[in-house]
Amino acid sequence: MEERFCPECGHVKEEWTLPFCHACYKQFRLEINQVKELLKKQPTLSVMDIARETGLSVRRLKQMLEFGSFQRPDY
């Protein structure tokens, strides 16, 4: 059986259906909620603006989009 490791922290993932271990997934969900709240207030922000406002990296924001955490509106 192949062990699966969390790409964020390197710990063994307890549940293989999640992209991260439970601790990192919890943090990821908190960051998603932070972005969603910001976008409710300012829906036209660019990815760079969101990164500046939240302190999250552009890489992390793209990761959220890839996981389908939220969708970027087409303007």
N, C-alpha and C. Protein backbone atom coordinates (compact mmCIF):
# COMPACT_ATOMS: atom_id res chain seq x y z
N MET A 1 0.84 -1.18 0.00
CA MET A 1 0.00 0.00 0.00
C MET A 1 0.89 1.24 0.00
N GLU A 2 0.58 2.16 -0.86
CA GLU A 2 1.34 3.39 -0.99
C GLU A 2 0.90 4.41 0.05
N GLU A 3 1.86 5.01 0.74
CA GLU A 3 1.51 6.07 1.70
C GLU A 3 1.32 7.37 0.95
N ARG A 4 0.41 8.15 1.40
CA ARG A 4 0.15 9.45 0.78
C ARG A 4 0.53 10.54 1.78
N PHE A 5 1.26 11.51 1.27
CA PHE A 5 1.74 12.57 2.13
C PHE A 5 1.08 13.90 1.77
N CYS A 6 0.89 14.72 2.77
CA CYS A 6 0.32 16.05 2.60
C CYS A 6 1.31 16.91 1.82
N PRO A 7 0.88 17.56 0.74
CA PRO A 7 1.79 18.41 -0.03
C PRO A 7 2.19 19.70 0.69
N GLU A 8 1.46 20.04 1.73
CA GLU A 8 1.75 21.27 2.48
C GLU A 8 2.80 21.05 3.57
N CYS A 9 2.61 20.00 4.38
CA CYS A 9 3.48 19.81 5.54
C CYS A 9 4.30 18.54 5.50
N GLY A 10 3.96 17.61 4.61
CA GLY A 10 4.70 16.37 4.49
C GLY A 10 4.26 15.25 5.40
N HIS A 11 3.29 15.51 6.28
CA HIS A 11 2.78 14.46 7.16
C HIS A 11 1.94 13.46 6.36
N VAL A 12 1.83 12.25 6.88
CA VAL A 12 0.98 11.26 6.24
C VAL A 12 -0.47 11.71 6.35
N LYS A 13 -1.18 11.66 5.24
CA LYS A 13 -2.59 12.05 5.24
C LYS A 13 -3.42 10.94 5.88
N GLU A 14 -4.29 11.32 6.80
CA GLU A 14 -5.15 10.35 7.47
C GLU A 14 -6.25 9.86 6.54
N GLU A 15 -6.70 10.72 5.67
CA GLU A 15 -7.80 10.41 4.77
C GLU A 15 -7.36 10.72 3.35
N TRP A 16 -7.38 9.74 2.50
CA TRP A 16 -6.85 9.92 1.15
C TRP A 16 -7.76 10.71 0.24
N THR A 17 -9.00 10.93 0.64
CA THR A 17 -9.91 11.67 -0.22
C THR A 17 -9.70 13.18 -0.13
N LEU A 18 -9.03 13.64 0.93
CA LEU A 18 -8.74 15.07 1.08
C LEU A 18 -7.42 15.40 0.39
N PRO A 19 -7.29 16.61 -0.12
CA PRO A 19 -6.03 16.98 -0.77
C PRO A 19 -4.88 17.18 0.21
N PHE A 20 -5.19 17.43 1.48
CA PHE A 20 -4.19 17.71 2.51
C PHE A 20 -4.48 16.86 3.75
N CYS A 21 -3.56 16.90 4.72
CA CYS A 21 -3.85 16.29 6.02
C CYS A 21 -4.94 17.14 6.68
N HIS A 22 -5.52 16.64 7.75
CA HIS A 22 -6.63 17.35 8.39
C HIS A 22 -6.23 18.75 8.88
N ALA A 23 -5.06 18.88 9.47
CA ALA A 23 -4.63 20.19 9.98
C ALA A 23 -4.46 21.21 8.85
N CYS A 24 -3.82 20.80 7.77
CA CYS A 24 -3.62 21.71 6.64
C CYS A 24 -4.93 21.99 5.92
N TYR A 25 -5.81 20.99 5.86
CA TYR A 25 -7.10 21.20 5.22
C TYR A 25 -7.94 22.20 6.02
N LYS A 26 -7.87 22.12 7.34
CA LYS A 26 -8.59 23.07 8.19
C LYS A 26 -8.10 24.50 7.91
N GLN A 27 -6.78 24.68 7.81
CA GLN A 27 -6.21 25.99 7.49
C GLN A 27 -6.64 26.45 6.10
N PHE A 28 -6.64 25.53 5.15
CA PHE A 28 -7.06 25.82 3.78
C PHE A 28 -8.50 26.31 3.76
N ARG A 29 -9.39 25.65 4.51
CA ARG A 29 -10.79 26.07 4.58
C ARG A 29 -10.93 27.46 5.20
N LEU A 30 -10.13 27.77 6.22
CA LEU A 30 -10.17 29.11 6.82
C LEU A 30 -9.76 30.17 5.80
N GLU A 31 -8.73 29.86 5.02
CA GLU A 31 -8.28 30.80 3.98
C GLU A 31 -9.33 30.98 2.90
N ILE A 32 -9.99 29.90 2.52
CA ILE A 32 -11.07 29.99 1.52
C ILE A 32 -12.18 30.90 2.03
N ASN A 33 -12.56 30.72 3.28
CA ASN A 33 -13.62 31.57 3.86
C ASN A 33 -13.20 33.02 3.90
N GLN A 34 -11.92 33.28 4.19
CA GLN A 34 -11.40 34.64 4.20
C GLN A 34 -11.54 35.27 2.81
N VAL A 35 -11.20 34.53 1.78
CA VAL A 35 -11.30 35.04 0.40
C VAL A 35 -12.76 35.24 0.02
N LYS A 36 -13.61 34.30 0.36
CA LYS A 36 -15.04 34.43 0.03
C LYS A 36 -15.65 35.67 0.67
N GLU A 37 -15.32 35.92 1.93
CA GLU A 37 -15.84 37.11 2.62
C GLU A 37 -15.35 38.39 1.94
N LEU A 38 -14.09 38.40 1.55
CA LEU A 38 -13.54 39.57 0.86
C LEU A 38 -14.25 39.79 -0.48
N LEU A 39 -14.48 38.70 -1.21
CA LEU A 39 -15.13 38.82 -2.53
C LEU A 39 -16.60 39.21 -2.42
N LYS A 40 -17.24 38.90 -1.29
CA LYS A 40 -18.61 39.36 -1.08
C LYS A 40 -18.65 40.89 -1.02
N LYS A 41 -17.63 41.46 -0.38
CA LYS A 41 -17.57 42.91 -0.21
C LYS A 41 -17.05 43.62 -1.45
N GLN A 42 -16.10 42.97 -2.13
CA GLN A 42 -15.45 43.58 -3.29
C GLN A 42 -15.31 42.54 -4.41
N PRO A 43 -16.39 42.24 -5.11
CA PRO A 43 -16.40 41.14 -6.08
C PRO A 43 -15.53 41.34 -7.32
N THR A 44 -15.06 42.52 -7.58
CA THR A 44 -14.28 42.75 -8.80
C THR A 44 -12.78 42.77 -8.57
N LEU A 45 -12.32 42.35 -7.41
CA LEU A 45 -10.88 42.35 -7.13
C LEU A 45 -10.14 41.37 -8.03
N SER A 46 -8.95 41.75 -8.43
CA SER A 46 -8.10 40.84 -9.20
C SER A 46 -7.41 39.86 -8.24
N VAL A 47 -6.78 38.85 -8.80
CA VAL A 47 -6.05 37.88 -7.97
C VAL A 47 -4.94 38.60 -7.20
N MET A 48 -4.26 39.53 -7.84
CA MET A 48 -3.20 40.28 -7.16
C MET A 48 -3.75 41.11 -6.01
N ASP A 49 -4.91 41.72 -6.22
CA ASP A 49 -5.55 42.50 -5.16
C ASP A 49 -5.95 41.62 -3.98
N ILE A 50 -6.48 40.43 -4.29
CA ILE A 50 -6.87 39.50 -3.24
C ILE A 50 -5.64 39.07 -2.45
N ALA A 51 -4.57 38.78 -3.16
CA ALA A 51 -3.31 38.38 -2.50
C ALA A 51 -2.83 39.49 -1.56
N ARG A 52 -2.87 40.73 -2.04
CA ARG A 52 -2.44 41.87 -1.22
C ARG A 52 -3.33 42.04 0.01
N GLU A 53 -4.63 41.93 -0.19
CA GLU A 53 -5.58 42.16 0.91
C GLU A 53 -5.54 41.06 1.97
N THR A 54 -5.31 39.82 1.54
CA THR A 54 -5.37 38.68 2.47
C THR A 54 -4.01 38.23 2.97
N GLY A 55 -2.96 38.57 2.24
CA GLY A 55 -1.63 38.08 2.59
C GLY A 55 -1.36 36.68 2.06
N LEU A 56 -2.30 36.13 1.28
CA LEU A 56 -2.12 34.81 0.69
C LEU A 56 -1.32 34.95 -0.61
N SER A 57 -0.62 33.90 -0.96
CA SER A 57 0.16 33.94 -2.20
C SER A 57 -0.75 33.72 -3.40
N VAL A 58 -0.30 34.19 -4.55
CA VAL A 58 -1.03 33.96 -5.80
C VAL A 58 -1.10 32.45 -6.06
N ARG A 59 -0.02 31.74 -5.74
CA ARG A 59 -0.01 30.28 -5.88
C ARG A 59 -1.14 29.64 -5.08
N ARG A 60 -1.33 30.11 -3.86
CA ARG A 60 -2.39 29.56 -2.99
C ARG A 60 -3.76 29.87 -3.56
N LEU A 61 -3.95 31.07 -4.08
CA LEU A 61 -5.23 31.45 -4.67
C LEU A 61 -5.52 30.60 -5.91
N LYS A 62 -4.51 30.35 -6.72
CA LYS A 62 -4.69 29.50 -7.90
C LYS A 62 -5.03 28.08 -7.47
N GLN A 63 -4.43 27.63 -6.39
CA GLN A 63 -4.72 26.31 -5.85
C GLN A 63 -6.19 26.22 -5.45
N MET A 64 -6.70 27.27 -4.85
CA MET A 64 -8.11 27.30 -4.46
C MET A 64 -9.01 27.19 -5.69
N LEU A 65 -8.65 27.91 -6.75
CA LEU A 65 -9.43 27.84 -7.99
C LEU A 65 -9.38 26.43 -8.57
N GLU A 66 -8.20 25.80 -8.55
CA GLU A 66 -8.05 24.45 -9.09
C GLU A 66 -8.91 23.45 -8.33
N PHE A 67 -9.02 23.62 -7.01
CA PHE A 67 -9.81 22.71 -6.20
C PHE A 67 -11.30 23.04 -6.27
N GLY A 68 -11.66 24.10 -7.00
CA GLY A 68 -13.07 24.46 -7.13
C GLY A 68 -13.64 25.11 -5.89
N SER A 69 -12.78 25.72 -5.08
CA SER A 69 -13.22 26.33 -3.83
C SER A 69 -14.14 27.52 -4.07
N PHE A 70 -13.90 28.22 -5.12
CA PHE A 70 -14.76 29.30 -5.57
C PHE A 70 -14.47 29.50 -7.04
N GLN A 71 -15.34 30.21 -7.71
CA GLN A 71 -15.15 30.44 -9.13
C GLN A 71 -14.94 31.90 -9.40
N ARG A 72 -14.02 32.15 -10.28
CA ARG A 72 -13.75 33.51 -10.70
C ARG A 72 -14.83 33.93 -11.69
N PRO A 73 -15.52 35.01 -11.44
CA PRO A 73 -16.55 35.44 -12.38
C PRO A 73 -15.94 35.94 -13.68
N ASP A 74 -16.67 35.77 -14.76
CA ASP A 74 -16.22 36.31 -16.06
C ASP A 74 -16.79 37.70 -16.22
N TYR A 75 -15.91 38.67 -16.42
CA TYR A 75 -16.36 40.05 -16.60
C TYR A 75 -16.17 40.46 -18.01
